[in-house]
């Protein structure tokens, strides 16, 4: 007893100051203007068994309506708050968690008015893993004159985890739509897997890349009225013009003009008179002649005077 009184007598001034400070703080807080607001708390599921997963829509946050001293409420609004649900020992099935004021870790003096959503319902299901091929999903078309040759993903397959009934029905995993608009050349596009409406997760997180092979379409055009020239001897050509059908990559053929094409009849080593000669055509590199109509012309060479 004497020892206790001795301890009490020591540092009496410091202890008195502490008591007075606590009283002052209490009066400050209790006398401070009170305010009401809604704070968001992240919902964190902890200790869930590795072979279980939630298959229903779980809210990422809860909204908590609170009232309390303005300074404390302002601090809460600027703090990242988390509410955990401890799932240790829970098995597959439907479980309901009711959240009350006592389940939240809030400062003294803060009262909880409302929690939404409340209660929290979780549906837990046993999981399996499967390795499935990736199926690229494409939308829109390449630029005019170009076409898709092939598309492959890297990796070509992934291992996913999910509820057994759901996974057993799947034959592949689709990507989110890959937009081909305006593509004119081979390209690599980063994409992702489409888990919408699926309760799946990658066993190992990996980037999903799509190797897209784009090539020009083949375009065929006909150019009428191309004059036939004679070389090296001048002569009279009948008919004087031919119609040329050209084929090649869309950008090259689309840009061609009639004057870019040269149709010729070879008059080397020929004497005077009429000659039936094949029409040869000079073409830009990369395009080819499909046909010339006519393919043979008559060239009349005059006698030299």
C-alpha atoms as a PDB file:
ATOM      1  CA  UNK A   1       0.000   0.000   0.000  1.00  0.00           C
ATOM      2  CA  UNK A   2       2.857   2.369   0.950  1.00  0.00           C
ATOM      3  CA  UNK A   3       4.578   1.559  -2.351  1.00  0.00           C
ATOM      4  CA  UNK A   4       1.411   2.459  -4.274  1.00  0.00           C
ATOM      5  CA  UNK A   5       1.064   5.805  -2.524  1.00  0.00           C
ATOM      6  CA  UNK A   6       4.730   6.473  -3.146  1.00  0.00           C
ATOM      7  CA  UNK A   7       4.298   5.912  -6.849  1.00  0.00           C
ATOM      8  CA  UNK A   8       1.270   8.202  -6.910  1.00  0.00           C
ATOM      9  CA  UNK A   9       3.197  11.000  -5.166  1.00  0.00           C
ATOM     10  CA  UNK A  10       6.060  10.879  -7.664  1.00  0.00           C
ATOM     11  CA  UNK A  11       5.725  13.093 -10.782  1.00  0.00           C
ATOM     12  CA  UNK A  12       2.494  14.553  -9.434  1.00  0.00           C
ATOM     13  CA  UNK A  13       2.888  17.642 -11.575  1.00  0.00           C
ATOM     14  CA  UNK A  14       3.294  15.644 -14.802  1.00  0.00           C
ATOM     15  CA  UNK A  15       0.316  13.445 -14.012  1.00  0.00           C
ATOM     16  CA  UNK A  16      -1.842  16.432 -13.203  1.00  0.00           C
ATOM     17  CA  UNK A  17      -0.878  18.041 -16.497  1.00  0.00           C
ATOM     18  CA  UNK A  18      -1.811  14.847 -18.385  1.00  0.00           C
ATOM     19  CA  UNK A  19      -5.216  14.734 -16.725  1.00  0.00           C
ATOM     20  CA  UNK A  20      -5.876  18.368 -17.530  1.00  0.00           C
ATOM     21  CA  UNK A  21      -4.796  17.848 -21.154  1.00  0.00           C
ATOM     22  CA  UNK A  22      -7.125  14.858 -21.541  1.00  0.00           C
ATOM     23  CA  UNK A  23     -10.005  16.869 -20.088  1.00  0.00           C
ATOM     24  CA  UNK A  24      -9.246  19.752 -22.460  1.00  0.00           C
ATOM     25  CA  UNK A  25      -9.184  17.441 -25.450  1.00  0.00           C
ATOM     26  CA  UNK A  26     -12.439  15.847 -24.391  1.00  0.00           C
ATOM     27  CA  UNK A  27     -14.122  19.218 -24.148  1.00  0.00           C
ATOM     28  CA  UNK A  28     -12.646  20.253 -27.509  1.00  0.00           C
ATOM     29  CA  UNK A  29     -13.966  17.181 -29.293  1.00  0.00           C
ATOM     30  CA  UNK A  30     -17.288  17.051 -27.513  1.00  0.00           C
ATOM     31  CA  UNK A  31     -17.848  20.720 -28.131  1.00  0.00           C
ATOM     32  CA  UNK A  32     -16.768  20.607 -31.771  1.00  0.00           C
ATOM     33  CA  UNK A  33     -19.350  20.966 -34.518  1.00  0.00           C
ATOM     34  CA  UNK A  34     -20.612  17.579 -35.671  1.00  0.00           C
ATOM     35  CA  UNK A  35     -21.036  16.642 -39.305  1.00  0.00           C
ATOM     36  CA  UNK A  36     -22.395  13.713 -41.298  1.00  0.00           C
ATOM     37  CA  UNK A  37     -20.951  12.162 -44.452  1.00  0.00           C
ATOM     38  CA  UNK A  38     -20.562   8.919 -46.402  1.00  0.00           C
ATOM     39  CA  UNK A  39     -17.174   7.212 -46.561  1.00  0.00           C
ATOM     40  CA  UNK A  40     -16.118   4.359 -48.834  1.00  0.00           C
ATOM     41  CA  UNK A  41     -14.391   1.356 -47.339  1.00  0.00           C
ATOM     42  CA  UNK A  42     -12.635  -1.219 -49.528  1.00  0.00           C
ATOM     43  CA  UNK A  43     -13.965  -4.731 -48.938  1.00  0.00           C
ATOM     44  CA  UNK A  44     -11.150  -7.241 -48.557  1.00  0.00           C
ATOM     45  CA  UNK A  45     -11.742 -11.019 -48.446  1.00  0.00           C
ATOM     46  CA  UNK A  46      -9.032 -12.693 -46.389  1.00  0.00           C
ATOM     47  CA  UNK A  47      -8.099 -16.285 -45.511  1.00  0.00           C
ATOM     48  CA  UNK A  48     -10.169 -17.783 -48.336  1.00  0.00           C
ATOM     49  CA  UNK A  49      -9.123 -21.390 -48.953  1.00  0.00           C
ATOM     50  CA  UNK A  50      -7.016 -21.734 -52.116  1.00  0.00           C
ATOM     51  CA  UNK A  51      -9.490 -24.225 -53.611  1.00  0.00           C
ATOM     52  CA  UNK A  52     -12.481 -21.921 -53.143  1.00  0.00           C
ATOM     53  CA  UNK A  53     -13.603 -18.750 -54.897  1.00  0.00           C
ATOM     54  CA  UNK A  54     -16.547 -16.371 -54.760  1.00  0.00           C
ATOM     55  CA  UNK A  55     -18.820 -16.883 -57.766  1.00  0.00           C
ATOM     56  CA  UNK A  56     -21.295 -14.072 -57.154  1.00  0.00           C
ATOM     57  CA  UNK A  57     -20.869 -10.342 -57.613  1.00  0.00           C
ATOM     58  CA  UNK A  58     -18.905  -9.091 -54.606  1.00  0.00           C
ATOM     59  CA  UNK A  59     -18.999  -5.323 -54.039  1.00  0.00           C
ATOM     60  CA  UNK A  60     -15.456  -3.896 -54.085  1.00  0.00           C
ATOM     61  CA  UNK A  61     -16.438  -1.277 -51.506  1.00  0.00           C
ATOM     62  CA  UNK A  62     -19.080  -0.573 -48.918  1.00  0.00           C
ATOM     63  CA  UNK A  63     -20.560   2.852 -48.210  1.00  0.00           C
ATOM     64  CA  UNK A  64     -20.718   3.794 -44.554  1.00  0.00           C
ATOM     65  CA  UNK A  65     -22.778   6.787 -43.419  1.00  0.00           C
ATOM     66  CA  UNK A  66     -21.155   8.268 -40.307  1.00  0.00           C
ATOM     67  CA  UNK A  67     -21.634  11.242 -37.999  1.00  0.00           C
ATOM     68  CA  UNK A  68     -19.069  12.752 -35.638  1.00  0.00           C
ATOM     69  CA  UNK A  69     -16.803  15.703 -34.904  1.00  0.00           C
ATOM     70  CA  UNK A  70     -15.898  17.577 -38.087  1.00  0.00           C
ATOM     71  CA  UNK A  71     -12.109  17.221 -37.675  1.00  0.00           C
ATOM     72  CA  UNK A  72     -12.316  13.446 -37.200  1.00  0.00           C
ATOM     73  CA  UNK A  73     -14.773  13.021 -40.085  1.00  0.00           C
ATOM     74  CA  UNK A  74     -12.537  15.112 -42.356  1.00  0.00           C
ATOM     75  CA  UNK A  75      -9.555  12.886 -41.511  1.00  0.00           C
ATOM     76  CA  UNK A  76     -11.590   9.757 -42.197  1.00  0.00           C
ATOM     77  CA  UNK A  77     -12.641  11.095 -45.597  1.00  0.00           C
ATOM     78  CA  UNK A  78      -8.984  11.485 -46.584  1.00  0.00           C
ATOM     79  CA  UNK A  79      -7.895   8.051 -45.342  1.00  0.00           C
ATOM     80  CA  UNK A  80      -8.045   4.794 -47.287  1.00  0.00           C
ATOM     81  CA  UNK A  81     -10.203   2.543 -45.139  1.00  0.00           C
ATOM     82  CA  UNK A  82     -10.553  -1.227 -45.477  1.00  0.00           C
ATOM     83  CA  UNK A  83     -13.112  -3.620 -44.074  1.00  0.00           C
ATOM     84  CA  UNK A  84     -12.022  -7.281 -44.033  1.00  0.00           C
ATOM     85  CA  UNK A  85     -14.178 -10.378 -44.163  1.00  0.00           C
ATOM     86  CA  UNK A  86     -12.341 -13.294 -42.572  1.00  0.00           C
ATOM     87  CA  UNK A  87     -13.285 -16.427 -44.514  1.00  0.00           C
ATOM     88  CA  UNK A  88     -11.125 -18.825 -42.531  1.00  0.00           C
ATOM     89  CA  UNK A  89     -12.946 -22.153 -42.148  1.00  0.00           C
ATOM     90  CA  UNK A  90     -15.764 -21.346 -44.581  1.00  0.00           C
ATOM     91  CA  UNK A  91     -16.736 -24.035 -47.089  1.00  0.00           C
ATOM     92  CA  UNK A  92     -18.540 -23.987 -50.418  1.00  0.00           C
ATOM     93  CA  UNK A  93     -22.077 -22.672 -50.273  1.00  0.00           C
ATOM     94  CA  UNK A  94     -23.962 -19.455 -49.662  1.00  0.00           C
ATOM     95  CA  UNK A  95     -22.889 -17.330 -46.703  1.00  0.00           C
ATOM     96  CA  UNK A  96     -24.295 -14.078 -45.311  1.00  0.00           C
ATOM     97  CA  UNK A  97     -22.263 -11.520 -43.343  1.00  0.00           C
ATOM     98  CA  UNK A  98     -24.134  -8.846 -41.408  1.00  0.00           C
ATOM     99  CA  UNK A  99     -22.139  -5.700 -40.779  1.00  0.00           C
ATOM    100  CA  UNK A 100     -22.851  -3.681 -37.658  1.00  0.00           C
ATOM    101  CA  UNK A 101     -21.200  -0.647 -36.040  1.00  0.00           C
ATOM    102  CA  UNK A 102     -19.104  -2.921 -33.822  1.00  0.00           C
ATOM    103  CA  UNK A 103     -17.641  -4.726 -36.838  1.00  0.00           C
ATOM    104  CA  UNK A 104     -16.053  -1.526 -38.152  1.00  0.00           C
ATOM    105  CA  UNK A 105     -12.814  -0.068 -36.833  1.00  0.00           C
ATOM    106  CA  UNK A 106     -13.655   3.619 -36.476  1.00  0.00           C
ATOM    107  CA  UNK A 107     -12.307   6.296 -34.108  1.00  0.00           C
ATOM    108  CA  UNK A 108     -14.008   7.000 -30.796  1.00  0.00           C
ATOM    109  CA  UNK A 109     -16.745   9.580 -31.165  1.00  0.00           C
ATOM    110  CA  UNK A 110     -17.800   8.443 -34.648  1.00  0.00           C
ATOM    111  CA  UNK A 111     -21.246   6.899 -34.923  1.00  0.00           C
ATOM    112  CA  UNK A 112     -22.400   4.685 -37.781  1.00  0.00           C
ATOM    113  CA  UNK A 113     -25.738   5.711 -39.262  1.00  0.00           C
ATOM    114  CA  UNK A 114     -26.005   3.262 -42.164  1.00  0.00           C
ATOM    115  CA  UNK A 115     -23.973   0.608 -44.042  1.00  0.00           C
ATOM    116  CA  UNK A 116     -24.655  -0.267 -47.666  1.00  0.00           C
ATOM    117  CA  UNK A 117     -24.804  -2.915 -48.959  1.00  0.00           C
ATOM    118  CA  UNK A 118     -25.653  -4.847 -45.860  1.00  0.00           C
ATOM    119  CA  UNK A 119     -25.670  -7.765 -45.354  1.00  0.00           C
ATOM    120  CA  UNK A 120     -22.921  -9.066 -47.682  1.00  0.00           C
ATOM    121  CA  UNK A 121     -23.728 -12.373 -49.380  1.00  0.00           C
ATOM    122  CA  UNK A 122     -20.981 -14.620 -50.733  1.00  0.00           C
ATOM    123  CA  UNK A 123     -21.419 -17.775 -52.763  1.00  0.00           C
ATOM    124  CA  UNK A 124     -18.310 -19.918 -52.473  1.00  0.00           C
ATOM    125  CA  UNK A 125     -17.594 -22.762 -54.878  1.00  0.00           C
ATOM    126  CA  UNK A 126     -14.863 -25.358 -55.235  1.00  0.00           C
ATOM    127  CA  UNK A 127     -12.429 -24.714 -58.078  1.00  0.00           C
ATOM    128  CA  UNK A 128     -10.417 -26.694 -60.616  1.00  0.00           C
ATOM    129  CA  UNK A 129      -7.748 -25.686 -63.133  1.00  0.00           C
ATOM    130  CA  UNK A 130      -7.769 -26.310 -66.885  1.00  0.00           C
ATOM    131  CA  UNK A 131      -5.529 -25.364 -69.773  1.00  0.00           C
ATOM    132  CA  UNK A 132      -7.558 -23.968 -72.672  1.00  0.00           C
ATOM    133  CA  UNK A 133      -6.655 -22.502 -76.083  1.00  0.00           C
ATOM    134  CA  UNK A 134      -7.098 -18.786 -76.657  1.00  0.00           C
ATOM    135  CA  UNK A 135      -9.501 -17.734 -79.414  1.00  0.00           C
ATOM    136  CA  UNK A 136      -8.887 -14.215 -80.784  1.00  0.00           C
ATOM    137  CA  UNK A 137     -12.064 -12.199 -81.337  1.00  0.00           C
ATOM    138  CA  UNK A 138     -11.809  -9.626 -84.145  1.00  0.00           C
ATOM    139  CA  UNK A 139     -13.924  -6.613 -85.013  1.00  0.00           C
ATOM    140  CA  UNK A 140     -14.000  -4.232 -87.996  1.00  0.00           C
ATOM    141  CA  UNK A 141     -11.878  -4.571 -91.132  1.00  0.00           C
ATOM    142  CA  UNK A 142      -8.384  -3.459 -92.135  1.00  0.00           C
ATOM    143  CA  UNK A 143      -7.900  -0.348 -94.268  1.00  0.00           C
ATOM    144  CA  UNK A 144      -9.410  -0.326 -97.767  1.00  0.00           C
ATOM    145  CA  UNK A 145      -7.475  -2.621-100.070  1.00  0.00           C
ATOM    146  CA  UNK A 146      -6.025  -4.732 -97.243  1.00  0.00           C
ATOM    147  CA  UNK A 147      -7.101  -7.996 -95.679  1.00  0.00           C
ATOM    148  CA  UNK A 148      -6.391 -10.147 -92.664  1.00  0.00           C
ATOM    149  CA  UNK A 149      -4.154 -13.084 -93.528  1.00  0.00           C
ATOM    150  CA  UNK A 150      -3.820 -14.648 -90.078  1.00  0.00           C
ATOM    151  CA  UNK A 151      -3.913 -13.897 -86.373  1.00  0.00           C
ATOM    152  CA  UNK A 152      -2.269 -15.835 -83.569  1.00  0.00           C
ATOM    153  CA  UNK A 153      -1.991 -15.179 -79.866  1.00  0.00           C
ATOM    154  CA  UNK A 154       1.031 -15.473 -77.634  1.00  0.00           C
ATOM    155  CA  UNK A 155       0.674 -17.619 -75.627  1.00  0.00           C
ATOM    156  CA  UNK A 156      -1.635 -19.863 -77.589  1.00  0.00           C
ATOM    157  CA  UNK A 157      -3.194 -21.300 -74.426  1.00  0.00           C
ATOM    158  CA  UNK A 158      -3.554 -20.410 -70.759  1.00  0.00           C
ATOM    159  CA  UNK A 159      -4.240 -22.210 -67.511  1.00  0.00           C
ATOM    160  CA  UNK A 160      -7.262 -20.836 -65.679  1.00  0.00           C
ATOM    161  CA  UNK A 161      -8.911 -21.533 -62.359  1.00  0.00           C
ATOM    162  CA  UNK A 162     -12.638 -21.530 -61.794  1.00  0.00           C
ATOM    163  CA  UNK A 163     -15.728 -23.452 -60.666  1.00  0.00           C
ATOM    164  CA  UNK A 164     -15.763 -26.988 -62.012  1.00  0.00           C
ATOM    165  CA  UNK A 165     -19.248 -26.846 -63.629  1.00  0.00           C
ATOM    166  CA  UNK A 166     -18.294 -23.665 -65.476  1.00  0.00           C
ATOM    167  CA  UNK A 167     -14.834 -24.735 -66.609  1.00  0.00           C
ATOM    168  CA  UNK A 168     -15.941 -28.179 -67.779  1.00  0.00           C
ATOM    169  CA  UNK A 169     -18.245 -26.580 -70.374  1.00  0.00           C
ATOM    170  CA  UNK A 170     -15.586 -24.343 -71.938  1.00  0.00           C
ATOM    171  CA  UNK A 171     -13.666 -25.309 -75.084  1.00  0.00           C
ATOM    172  CA  UNK A 172     -11.609 -22.103 -75.333  1.00  0.00           C
ATOM    173  CA  UNK A 173     -11.100 -18.677 -73.781  1.00  0.00           C
ATOM    174  CA  UNK A 174     -11.957 -15.666 -75.966  1.00  0.00           C
ATOM    175  CA  UNK A 175     -10.055 -12.428 -76.057  1.00  0.00           C
ATOM    176  CA  UNK A 176     -11.730  -9.074 -75.785  1.00  0.00           C
ATOM    177  CA  UNK A 177     -12.491  -7.720 -79.285  1.00  0.00           C
ATOM    178  CA  UNK A 178      -9.369  -6.735 -81.243  1.00  0.00           C
ATOM    179  CA  UNK A 179      -9.978  -3.742 -83.519  1.00  0.00           C
ATOM    180  CA  UNK A 180      -8.538  -4.130 -87.029  1.00  0.00           C
ATOM    181  CA  UNK A 181      -9.665  -0.694 -88.240  1.00  0.00           C
ATOM    182  CA  UNK A 182      -7.232   1.065 -90.593  1.00  0.00           C
ATOM    183  CA  UNK A 183      -4.481  -1.558 -90.278  1.00  0.00           C
ATOM    184  CA  UNK A 184      -2.197  -1.704 -93.331  1.00  0.00           C
ATOM    185  CA  UNK A 185       0.721  -3.781 -92.089  1.00  0.00           C
ATOM    186  CA  UNK A 186       1.684  -6.578 -89.743  1.00  0.00           C
ATOM    187  CA  UNK A 187       1.349  -5.542 -86.136  1.00  0.00           C
ATOM    188  CA  UNK A 188       1.368  -6.847 -82.570  1.00  0.00           C
ATOM    189  CA  UNK A 189      -1.495  -5.750 -80.316  1.00  0.00           C
ATOM    190  CA  UNK A 190      -1.650  -6.241 -76.563  1.00  0.00           C
ATOM    191  CA  UNK A 191      -5.032  -7.635 -75.600  1.00  0.00           C
ATOM    192  CA  UNK A 192      -6.710  -9.414 -72.700  1.00  0.00           C
ATOM    193  CA  UNK A 193      -8.958 -12.360 -72.031  1.00  0.00           C
ATOM    194  CA  UNK A 194     -12.708 -11.852 -71.865  1.00  0.00           C
ATOM    195  CA  UNK A 195     -13.803 -13.166 -68.483  1.00  0.00           C
ATOM    196  CA  UNK A 196     -17.089 -11.266 -68.586  1.00  0.00           C
ATOM    197  CA  UNK A 197     -19.863 -13.374 -67.046  1.00  0.00           C
ATOM    198  CA  UNK A 198     -17.246 -15.979 -66.139  1.00  0.00           C
ATOM    199  CA  UNK A 199     -15.892 -16.636 -62.666  1.00  0.00           C
ATOM    200  CA  UNK A 200     -12.384 -17.388 -63.849  1.00  0.00           C
ATOM    201  CA  UNK A 201      -8.885 -16.262 -62.997  1.00  0.00           C
ATOM    202  CA  UNK A 202      -5.521 -16.906 -64.585  1.00  0.00           C
ATOM    203  CA  UNK A 203      -3.389 -19.327 -62.640  1.00  0.00           C
ATOM    204  CA  UNK A 204      -0.341 -17.269 -63.605  1.00  0.00           C
ATOM    205  CA  UNK A 205      -0.679 -13.705 -64.854  1.00  0.00           C
ATOM    206  CA  UNK A 206       0.822 -13.404 -68.352  1.00  0.00           C
ATOM    207  CA  UNK A 207       0.562 -10.701 -71.033  1.00  0.00           C
ATOM    208  CA  UNK A 208      -1.626 -11.667 -73.990  1.00  0.00           C
ATOM    209  CA  UNK A 209      -0.327 -10.547 -77.382  1.00  0.00           C
ATOM    210  CA  UNK A 210      -1.965 -10.924 -80.795  1.00  0.00           C
ATOM    211  CA  UNK A 211       0.298 -11.270 -83.850  1.00  0.00           C
ATOM    212  CA  UNK A 212      -1.753  -9.900 -86.742  1.00  0.00           C
ATOM    213  CA  UNK A 213      -0.674 -10.497 -90.357  1.00  0.00           C
ATOM    214  CA  UNK A 214      -2.131  -7.941 -92.764  1.00  0.00           C
ATOM    215  CA  UNK A 215      -1.485  -7.961 -96.522  1.00  0.00           C
ATOM    216  CA  UNK A 216      -2.744  -6.007 -99.549  1.00  0.00           C
ATOM    217  CA  UNK A 217      -5.648  -7.528-101.411  1.00  0.00           C
ATOM    218  CA  UNK A 218      -5.109  -8.565-105.021  1.00  0.00           C
ATOM    219  CA  UNK A 219      -6.697  -6.050-107.369  1.00  0.00           C
ATOM    220  CA  UNK A 220      -7.457  -6.587-111.062  1.00  0.00           C
ATOM    221  CA  UNK A 221      -8.049  -3.578-113.319  1.00  0.00           C
ATOM    222  CA  UNK A 222      -8.607  -3.166-117.044  1.00  0.00           C
ATOM    223  CA  UNK A 223      -7.145  -0.179-118.888  1.00  0.00           C
ATOM    224  CA  UNK A 224      -8.737   0.372-122.309  1.00  0.00           C
ATOM    225  CA  UNK A 225      -7.263   2.468-125.092  1.00  0.00           C
ATOM    226  CA  UNK A 226      -3.569   1.880-124.454  1.00  0.00           C
ATOM    227  CA  UNK A 227      -1.675   2.843-127.668  1.00  0.00           C
ATOM    228  CA  UNK A 228       0.633   0.233-129.233  1.00  0.00           C
ATOM    229  CA  UNK A 229       4.087   1.550-130.093  1.00  0.00           C
ATOM    230  CA  UNK A 230       6.466  -0.025-132.598  1.00  0.00           C
ATOM    231  CA  UNK A 231      10.159  -0.362-131.906  1.00  0.00           C
ATOM    232  CA  UNK A 232      12.699   0.104-133.355  1.00  0.00           C
ATOM    233  CA  UNK A 233      11.072   0.539-136.798  1.00  0.00           C
ATOM    234  CA  UNK A 234       8.048   2.767-137.109  1.00  0.00           C
ATOM    235  CA  UNK A 235       5.002   1.216-138.660  1.00  0.00           C
ATOM    236  CA  UNK A 236       1.253   1.394-138.960  1.00  0.00           C
ATOM    237  CA  UNK A 237      -0.465  -0.640-136.226  1.00  0.00           C
ATOM    238  CA  UNK A 238      -3.911  -2.153-136.525  1.00  0.00           C
ATOM    239  CA  UNK A 239      -5.649  -1.925-134.169  1.00  0.00           C
ATOM    240  CA  UNK A 240      -3.714   1.049-132.867  1.00  0.00           C
ATOM    241  CA  UNK A 241      -4.844   0.529-129.265  1.00  0.00           C
ATOM    242  CA  UNK A 242      -5.295  -2.446-126.962  1.00  0.00           C
ATOM    243  CA  UNK A 243      -7.092  -3.109-123.697  1.00  0.00           C
ATOM    244  CA  UNK A 244      -4.801  -4.303-120.905  1.00  0.00           C
ATOM    245  CA  UNK A 245      -5.935  -6.188-117.796  1.00  0.00           C
ATOM    246  CA  UNK A 246      -3.454  -5.815-114.927  1.00  0.00           C
ATOM    247  CA  UNK A 247      -3.277  -7.629-111.582  1.00  0.00           C
ATOM    248  CA  UNK A 248      -1.270  -6.971-108.429  1.00  0.00           C
ATOM    249  CA  UNK A 249      -1.282  -5.622-104.875  1.00  0.00           C
ATOM    250  CA  UNK A 250      -4.206  -3.262-104.331  1.00  0.00           C
ATOM    251  CA  UNK A 251      -2.158  -0.113-103.503  1.00  0.00           C
ATOM    252  CA  UNK A 252       0.046  -0.494-106.612  1.00  0.00           C
ATOM    253  CA  UNK A 253      -2.708  -1.321-109.090  1.00  0.00           C
ATOM    254  CA  UNK A 254      -5.079   1.279-107.636  1.00  0.00           C
ATOM    255  CA  UNK A 255      -2.470   4.001-108.179  1.00  0.00           C
ATOM    256  CA  UNK A 256      -1.729   3.019-111.810  1.00  0.00           C
ATOM    257  CA  UNK A 257      -2.740   5.275-114.699  1.00  0.00           C
ATOM    258  CA  UNK A 258      -3.064   4.319-118.366  1.00  0.00           C
ATOM    259  CA  UNK A 259       0.005   6.371-119.242  1.00  0.00           C
ATOM    260  CA  UNK A 260       2.058   4.235-116.854  1.00  0.00           C
ATOM    261  CA  UNK A 261       1.554   1.251-119.182  1.00  0.00           C
ATOM    262  CA  UNK A 262       3.605   0.800-122.350  1.00  0.00           C
ATOM    263  CA  UNK A 263       2.377  -1.622-125.041  1.00  0.00           C
ATOM    264  CA  UNK A 264       4.885  -2.403-127.797  1.00  0.00           C
ATOM    265  CA  UNK A 265       5.276  -4.441-130.974  1.00  0.00           C
ATOM    266  CA  UNK A 266       8.847  -5.546-131.745  1.00  0.00           C
ATOM    267  CA  UNK A 267       9.817  -4.700-135.347  1.00  0.00           C
ATOM    268  CA  UNK A 268      13.458  -5.640-135.196  1.00  0.00           C
ATOM    269  CA  UNK A 269      14.910  -7.415-138.240  1.00  0.00           C
ATOM    270  CA  UNK A 270      11.625  -7.171-140.136  1.00  0.00           C
ATOM    271  CA  UNK A 271      11.320  -6.209-143.790  1.00  0.00           C
ATOM    272  CA  UNK A 272       8.673  -4.116-145.475  1.00  0.00           C
ATOM    273  CA  UNK A 273       5.123  -5.473-145.523  1.00  0.00           C
ATOM    274  CA  UNK A 274       2.478  -6.648-143.091  1.00  0.00           C
ATOM    275  CA  UNK A 275       3.442  -8.551-139.953  1.00  0.00           C
ATOM    276  CA  UNK A 276       1.341 -10.086-137.195  1.00  0.00           C
ATOM    277  CA  UNK A 277       3.180  -9.350-133.961  1.00  0.00           C
ATOM    278  CA  UNK A 278       2.622 -10.146-130.305  1.00  0.00           C
ATOM    279  CA  UNK A 279       1.958  -7.233-127.973  1.00  0.00           C
ATOM    280  CA  UNK A 280       4.446  -6.936-125.131  1.00  0.00           C
ATOM    281  CA  UNK A 281       3.751  -4.738-122.123  1.00  0.00           C
ATOM    282  CA  UNK A 282       6.122  -2.892-119.838  1.00  0.00           C
ATOM    283  CA  UNK A 283       4.720  -2.927-116.299  1.00  0.00           C
ATOM    284  CA  UNK A 284       5.805  -1.439-112.968  1.00  0.00           C
ATOM    285  CA  UNK A 285       7.517  -3.893-110.653  1.00  0.00           C
ATOM    286  CA  UNK A 286       5.109  -5.928-108.565  1.00  0.00           C
ATOM    287  CA  UNK A 287       2.219  -6.128-111.025  1.00  0.00           C
ATOM    288  CA  UNK A 288       1.529  -8.629-113.804  1.00  0.00           C
ATOM    289  CA  UNK A 289      -0.344  -8.760-117.101  1.00  0.00           C
ATOM    290  CA  UNK A 290      -3.482 -10.883-117.070  1.00  0.00           C
ATOM    291  CA  UNK A 291      -4.312 -10.380-120.754  1.00  0.00           C
ATOM    292  CA  UNK A 292      -4.076  -8.021-123.680  1.00  0.00           C
ATOM    293  CA  UNK A 293      -7.012  -7.656-126.051  1.00  0.00           C
ATOM    294  CA  UNK A 294      -6.051  -8.193-128.710  1.00  0.00           C
ATOM    295  CA  UNK A 295      -2.845 -10.040-127.938  1.00  0.00           C
ATOM    296  CA  UNK A 296      -1.665  -9.819-131.564  1.00  0.00           C
ATOM    297  CA  UNK A 297      -1.701  -6.747-133.797  1.00  0.00           C
ATOM    298  CA  UNK A 298      -0.920  -6.218-137.470  1.00  0.00           C
ATOM    299  CA  UNK A 299       2.008  -3.922-138.202  1.00  0.00           C
ATOM    300  CA  UNK A 300       2.616  -2.611-141.709  1.00  0.00           C
ATOM    301  CA  UNK A 301       6.174  -1.505-142.425  1.00  0.00           C
ATOM    302  CA  UNK A 302       6.734   0.768-145.414  1.00  0.00           C
ATOM    303  CA  UNK A 303       9.546   0.319-147.898  1.00  0.00           C
ATOM    304  CA  UNK A 304      12.352   2.716-147.297  1.00  0.00           C
ATOM    305  CA  UNK A 305      12.702   5.241-150.085  1.00  0.00           C
END
